[in-house]
């Protein structure tokens, strides 16, 4: 699968387009479920961010596991002091988005 080059590796617009289609079934993997508990992140926050991606501020393309997937590392701003990073895999054939992992982090000030 040919990767489209974006300036600075930013794929935020592509991820927003995929999420706003609202046709993807959201699947949270067992690994992500474990990380939600360990990192004290509410599942409902993750689902809300994916349903309405207003707080998505950066997305980076990751290597796909197979040709039917588009994988991204996505940064959602929670506040000036905190962001969530999600590993997402969009399966275009089966129309689902898998949440692979979730991380709570502090955003870098640039």
Protein backbone atom coordinates (compact mmCIF):
# COMPACT_ATOMS: atom_id res chain seq x y z
CA UNK A 1 0.00 0.00 0.00
CA UNK A 2 1.50 3.34 -1.08
CA UNK A 3 1.73 5.90 1.74
CA UNK A 4 0.74 9.45 0.87
CA UNK A 5 3.40 11.86 2.09
CA UNK A 6 2.13 14.62 4.35
CA UNK A 7 4.20 17.56 5.44
CA UNK A 8 5.86 16.72 8.75
CA UNK A 9 4.24 13.28 8.82
CA UNK A 10 0.95 14.80 9.97
CA UNK A 11 -2.07 12.64 9.09
CA UNK A 12 -4.53 14.43 11.37
CA UNK A 13 -6.93 15.37 8.57
CA UNK A 14 -7.08 11.77 7.27
CA UNK A 15 -7.88 10.40 10.74
CA UNK A 16 -10.55 13.08 11.28
CA UNK A 17 -12.12 12.14 7.94
CA UNK A 18 -12.21 8.45 8.89
CA UNK A 19 -13.65 9.13 12.35
CA UNK A 20 -16.32 11.55 11.15
CA UNK A 21 -17.69 8.96 8.73
CA UNK A 22 -19.32 7.38 11.82
CA UNK A 23 -19.49 4.08 9.97
CA UNK A 24 -16.69 2.37 11.87
CA UNK A 25 -17.46 -0.06 14.67
CA UNK A 26 -15.17 0.83 17.59
CA UNK A 27 -13.36 -2.23 19.00
CA UNK A 28 -11.27 -1.89 22.16
CA UNK A 29 -8.69 -4.67 22.32
CA UNK A 30 -7.95 -6.62 25.47
CA UNK A 31 -4.55 -4.90 25.67
CA UNK A 32 -6.21 -1.47 25.53
CA UNK A 33 -8.74 -2.52 28.21
CA UNK A 34 -5.85 -3.44 30.53
CA UNK A 35 -4.10 -0.12 29.82
CA UNK A 36 -7.32 1.81 30.53
CA UNK A 37 -7.34 0.39 34.05
CA UNK A 38 -3.62 0.76 34.66
CA UNK A 39 -3.54 4.35 33.42
CA UNK A 40 -6.84 5.39 34.99
CA UNK A 41 -8.43 6.44 31.71
CA UNK A 42 -12.19 6.23 31.37
CA UNK A 43 -13.41 4.06 28.48
CA UNK A 44 -16.21 6.57 27.85
CA UNK A 45 -13.59 9.33 27.30
CA UNK A 46 -11.93 7.22 24.61
CA UNK A 47 -15.24 6.46 22.91
CA UNK A 48 -16.27 10.13 23.02
CA UNK A 49 -12.94 11.23 21.51
CA UNK A 50 -13.38 8.75 18.67
CA UNK A 51 -17.03 9.65 18.03
CA UNK A 52 -16.34 13.41 18.01
CA UNK A 53 -12.65 13.96 17.22
CA UNK A 54 -12.63 17.71 18.03
CA UNK A 55 -9.69 17.31 20.43
CA UNK A 56 -7.53 15.37 17.95
CA UNK A 57 -4.50 17.58 17.37
CA UNK A 58 -1.95 15.28 15.74
CA UNK A 59 -1.86 11.87 14.04
CA UNK A 60 1.17 9.98 12.80
CA UNK A 61 1.00 7.07 10.35
CA UNK A 62 2.23 3.72 11.65
CA UNK A 63 3.13 0.53 9.81
CA UNK A 64 0.05 -1.48 8.83
CA UNK A 65 -0.36 -5.09 9.91
CA UNK A 66 -2.13 -5.90 6.65
CA UNK A 67 -3.28 -4.22 3.44
CA UNK A 68 -6.85 -3.66 4.70
CA UNK A 69 -5.68 -1.51 7.62
CA UNK A 70 -4.52 2.04 8.14
CA UNK A 71 -2.70 2.44 11.46
CA UNK A 72 -2.10 5.71 13.31
CA UNK A 73 -0.73 7.05 16.57
CA UNK A 74 -3.25 9.75 17.54
CA UNK A 75 -2.94 12.56 20.08
CA UNK A 76 -6.09 13.92 21.76
CA UNK A 77 -5.79 17.01 23.98
CA UNK A 78 -7.62 16.66 27.30
CA UNK A 79 -6.32 19.95 28.76
CA UNK A 80 -3.21 22.12 28.60
CA UNK A 81 -1.61 19.70 31.06
CA UNK A 82 -2.72 16.35 29.69
CA UNK A 83 -3.29 14.43 26.46
CA UNK A 84 -4.25 10.88 25.52
CA UNK A 85 -2.37 8.95 22.87
CA UNK A 86 -4.22 6.12 21.13
CA UNK A 87 -2.86 3.47 18.82
CA UNK A 88 -5.62 2.99 16.24
CA UNK A 89 -6.02 0.52 13.38
CA UNK A 90 -8.76 1.31 10.85
CA UNK A 91 -9.86 -1.77 8.94
CA UNK A 92 -11.33 -0.46 5.71
CA UNK A 93 -12.62 -3.86 4.60
CA UNK A 94 -14.61 -4.66 7.77
CA UNK A 95 -15.30 -0.99 8.66
CA UNK A 96 -13.98 -1.13 12.21
CA UNK A 97 -11.42 0.83 14.17
CA UNK A 98 -9.41 -1.08 16.77
CA UNK A 99 -8.05 0.76 19.78
CA UNK A 100 -4.72 -1.02 20.23
CA UNK A 101 -3.42 0.92 23.23
CA UNK A 102 -4.06 4.08 25.27
CA UNK A 103 -1.50 6.29 27.00
CA UNK A 104 -1.91 9.28 29.30
CA UNK A 105 0.78 11.91 28.72
CA UNK A 106 1.71 15.54 29.09
CA UNK A 107 1.76 17.43 25.79
CA UNK A 108 5.02 19.06 24.73
CA UNK A 109 4.95 22.82 24.63
CA UNK A 110 6.31 24.03 21.29
